[in-house]
Protein backbone atom coordinates (compact mmCIF):
# COMPACT_ATOMS: atom_id res chain seq x y z
CA MET A 1 0.00 0.00 0.00
CA VAL A 2 1.35 3.43 -0.97
CA GLN A 3 0.95 6.14 1.59
CA ALA A 4 0.51 9.69 0.34
CA VAL A 5 2.35 12.39 2.21
CA TRP A 6 1.06 15.93 2.04
CA ARG A 7 3.80 18.49 2.49
CA LYS A 8 2.66 21.80 3.87
CA GLU A 9 4.87 24.72 2.92
CA TRP A 10 6.21 26.44 6.02
CA ILE A 11 6.09 30.19 5.75
CA GLY A 12 7.92 30.99 8.97
CA ILE A 13 10.24 33.79 9.86
CA ARG A 14 12.74 34.04 12.71
CA LEU A 15 11.70 36.90 14.99
CA PHE A 16 12.74 38.65 18.18
CA ILE A 17 11.56 41.74 20.04
CA ALA A 18 14.31 44.18 20.91
CA LEU A 19 15.38 47.59 22.07
CA ASN A 20 17.51 49.11 19.33
CA PHE A 21 19.93 51.94 20.02
CA ASN A 22 20.88 55.16 18.29
CA GLU A 23 24.09 55.36 16.27
CA GLU A 24 26.04 57.13 19.03
CA VAL A 25 25.33 54.38 21.56
CA LYS A 26 26.11 51.66 19.00
CA ALA A 27 29.45 53.36 18.29
CA GLN A 28 30.28 53.48 22.03
CA ILE A 29 29.47 49.78 22.45
CA ASN A 30 31.34 48.95 19.25
CA GLU A 31 34.49 50.55 20.74
CA ILE A 32 34.17 48.15 23.67
CA ILE A 33 33.72 45.23 21.26
CA ASP A 34 36.87 46.32 19.40
CA ARG A 35 38.85 46.42 22.68
CA VAL A 36 37.67 42.94 23.67
CA LYS A 37 38.32 41.65 20.14
CA SER A 38 41.87 43.05 20.07
CA ASN A 39 42.55 41.27 23.39
CA SER A 40 41.16 37.91 22.24
CA VAL A 41 42.76 34.93 20.53
CA GLN A 42 39.44 33.86 19.00
CA GLY A 43 35.78 34.84 18.78
CA ARG A 44 32.86 35.80 16.57
CA PHE A 45 32.04 39.39 17.46
CA VAL A 46 28.80 41.29 16.95
CA ASN A 47 28.77 43.79 14.07
CA GLU A 48 27.83 47.35 14.98
CA GLU A 49 24.53 47.20 13.06
CA HIS A 50 23.42 44.18 15.13
CA ILE A 51 23.95 45.74 18.58
CA HIS A 52 20.66 45.63 20.53
CA LEU A 53 19.03 44.40 23.74
CA THR A 54 16.66 41.47 23.28
CA LEU A 55 13.41 41.61 25.23
CA GLU A 56 12.01 38.35 23.88
CA PHE A 57 13.22 35.77 21.38
CA LEU A 58 10.26 34.35 19.46
CA GLY A 59 12.04 31.93 17.12
CA GLU A 60 10.39 30.66 13.92
CA ILE A 61 6.93 32.21 13.71
CA HIS A 62 4.33 31.70 10.98
CA LYS A 63 3.65 34.90 9.02
CA ASN A 64 -0.04 34.76 9.86
CA ARG A 65 0.83 35.61 13.50
CA LEU A 66 2.51 38.94 12.69
CA ASP A 67 -0.67 40.96 13.25
CA LEU A 68 -1.09 39.32 16.66
CA ILE A 69 2.46 40.34 17.65
CA LYS A 70 1.79 43.91 16.47
CA GLU A 71 -1.40 43.92 18.55
CA ILE A 72 0.57 42.83 21.63
CA LEU A 73 3.20 45.53 21.05
CA ASP A 74 0.49 48.17 20.56
CA GLY A 75 -0.94 47.12 23.93
CA LEU A 76 2.26 48.08 25.76
CA GLU A 77 1.66 51.25 27.73
CA PHE A 78 5.06 52.48 28.78
CA ASN A 79 6.82 55.82 28.77
CA LYS A 80 10.24 56.48 27.32
CA PHE A 81 13.00 55.55 29.76
CA THR A 82 16.76 55.44 30.20
CA PHE A 83 18.97 52.64 31.48
CA GLN A 84 22.66 52.31 32.24
CA LEU A 85 25.19 49.60 31.54
CA THR A 86 27.21 47.97 34.31
CA LYS A 87 30.01 45.56 33.51
CA ILE A 88 31.29 43.00 31.06
CA GLY A 89 30.48 39.42 31.93
CA TYR A 90 30.26 36.09 30.16
CA PHE A 91 28.38 32.82 29.89
CA LYS A 92 30.93 30.01 30.14
CA ARG A 93 31.09 27.66 27.14
CA PRO A 94 33.69 24.96 26.36
CA GLU A 95 34.31 26.23 22.81
CA GLY A 96 34.73 29.81 24.04
CA ASN A 97 32.60 32.10 26.17
CA ILE A 98 29.73 34.39 25.22
CA TYR A 99 30.77 37.88 26.34
CA TRP A 100 28.17 40.53 27.09
CA ILE A 101 27.59 43.87 28.77
CA GLY A 102 25.18 43.83 31.68
CA VAL A 103 22.39 46.28 32.38
CA LYS A 104 22.02 48.13 35.68
CA GLU A 105 18.80 47.08 37.41
CA ASN A 106 15.95 49.13 35.99
CA ASP A 107 12.34 48.60 37.11
CA THR A 108 10.84 49.99 33.88
CA LEU A 109 12.91 47.64 31.72
CA PHE A 110 11.98 44.61 33.83
CA ASP A 111 8.29 45.60 33.93
CA LEU A 112 8.25 46.06 30.15
CA GLN A 113 9.82 42.65 29.53
CA LYS A 114 7.55 40.95 32.08
CA LYS A 115 4.36 42.42 30.58
CA LEU A 116 5.51 41.56 27.06
CA HIS A 117 6.38 37.98 28.09
CA LYS A 118 3.00 37.47 29.78
CA SER A 119 1.06 38.95 26.84
CA LEU A 120 2.85 36.68 24.38
CA LEU A 121 2.21 33.59 26.54
CA ASP A 122 -1.46 34.56 26.92
CA LYS A 123 -1.76 34.61 23.12
CA GLY A 124 -0.26 31.14 22.76
CA PHE A 125 3.37 31.87 21.89
CA GLU A 126 5.94 29.34 23.11
CA LEU A 127 8.75 31.15 24.91
CA GLU A 128 11.84 30.26 26.89
CA ASP A 129 10.98 29.77 30.54
CA ARG A 130 13.93 31.25 32.37
CA GLU A 131 14.71 34.36 34.35
CA TYR A 132 15.23 37.44 32.21
CA LYS A 133 18.84 38.62 32.40
CA PRO A 134 19.17 41.69 30.17
CA HIS A 135 22.48 41.90 28.36
CA ILE A 136 24.03 43.13 25.14
CA THR A 137 26.01 40.40 23.41
CA LEU A 138 29.55 41.37 22.39
CA GLY A 139 30.83 38.09 20.98
CA ARG A 140 30.52 34.31 20.94
CA LYS A 141 33.19 31.60 21.21
CA VAL A 142 35.53 34.20 22.70
CA LYS A 143 38.81 33.26 24.34
CA LEU A 144 40.72 36.18 25.84
CA LYS A 145 44.50 36.64 25.71
CA ASP A 146 46.31 35.82 28.94
CA GLY A 147 46.58 38.85 31.17
CA PHE A 148 43.58 40.76 29.80
CA ASN A 149 40.83 41.50 32.30
CA THR A 150 37.54 42.97 31.07
CA ASP A 151 37.33 44.96 34.33
CA GLU A 152 39.80 47.32 32.64
CA LEU A 153 36.82 48.54 30.59
CA LYS A 154 34.43 49.01 33.51
CA ASP A 155 34.80 52.81 33.66
CA ILE A 156 33.95 53.11 29.95
CA VAL A 157 30.98 50.74 30.20
CA GLU A 158 29.44 52.44 33.25
CA LYS A 159 29.36 55.83 31.49
CA ILE A 160 26.96 54.58 28.81
CA GLU A 161 23.33 55.60 29.26
CA ILE A 162 20.76 54.45 26.73
CA ASP A 163 17.54 56.33 26.00
CA ILE A 164 14.69 54.08 24.90
CA SER A 165 11.75 55.51 22.96
CA LYS A 166 10.50 52.44 21.08
CA VAL A 167 10.20 48.65 21.08
CA ASP A 168 10.98 46.86 17.81
CA LEU A 169 9.88 43.59 16.21
CA MET A 170 12.92 42.31 14.32
CA LYS A 171 13.43 39.62 11.69
CA SER A 172 16.69 37.68 11.69
CA GLU A 173 17.81 35.87 8.54
CA PHE A 174 20.86 34.77 6.66
CA ASN A 175 21.25 36.07 3.12
CA ASN A 176 24.22 34.73 1.15
CA GLY A 177 25.85 33.68 4.44
CA LYS A 178 25.45 37.13 6.01
CA LEU A 179 23.27 37.76 9.08
CA ILE A 180 20.68 40.46 8.46
CA HIS A 181 18.35 42.02 11.05
CA SER A 182 15.36 43.80 9.55
CA LEU A 183 12.83 45.99 11.31
CA MET A 184 9.33 44.52 10.93
CA TYR A 185 7.39 46.86 13.23
CA SER A 186 8.12 49.56 15.76
CA ARG A 187 6.02 50.60 18.77
CA GLN A 188 6.77 54.13 19.99
CA LEU A 189 6.83 54.78 23.74
CA PHE A 190 5.52 58.10 25.03
């Protein structure tokens, strides 16, 4: 007996919700990335155009759910706010660590992420179930040169303040081997 298999075409896109920064802030963070990179023996470092703070990673989402995500973003009632950066840290990995810049505790940021997370769950989105630890990724698979301590950059990092006036829905894709982040929708904060 021959069994017919119906193949449904998947029309999914890889999405995340983020706080994007102005060019001046990206340039400041990029200087820190360059310093870490020049004091590393290996690593894949974030390009300046990809510097952001993720609020929620959605993963592969069917295109027919885009309007629902926009509706959730439009339901966010938050004012513009500012947050500060703290220090450089890392997530330990055998092949090389993931280096990041931490965010000084900020109630508005945490409330925004918490409300967004709950709203997405309430609408049936499957999300990671772990504590939110806001950070800006600098590089992956990073191994530092002996003798370099990222604490040397603490004074530079702590001077960075970031003004937030919008929340962005971003698409992440590879095009000819190059990572591209595209803005899908932006929700202004007042």
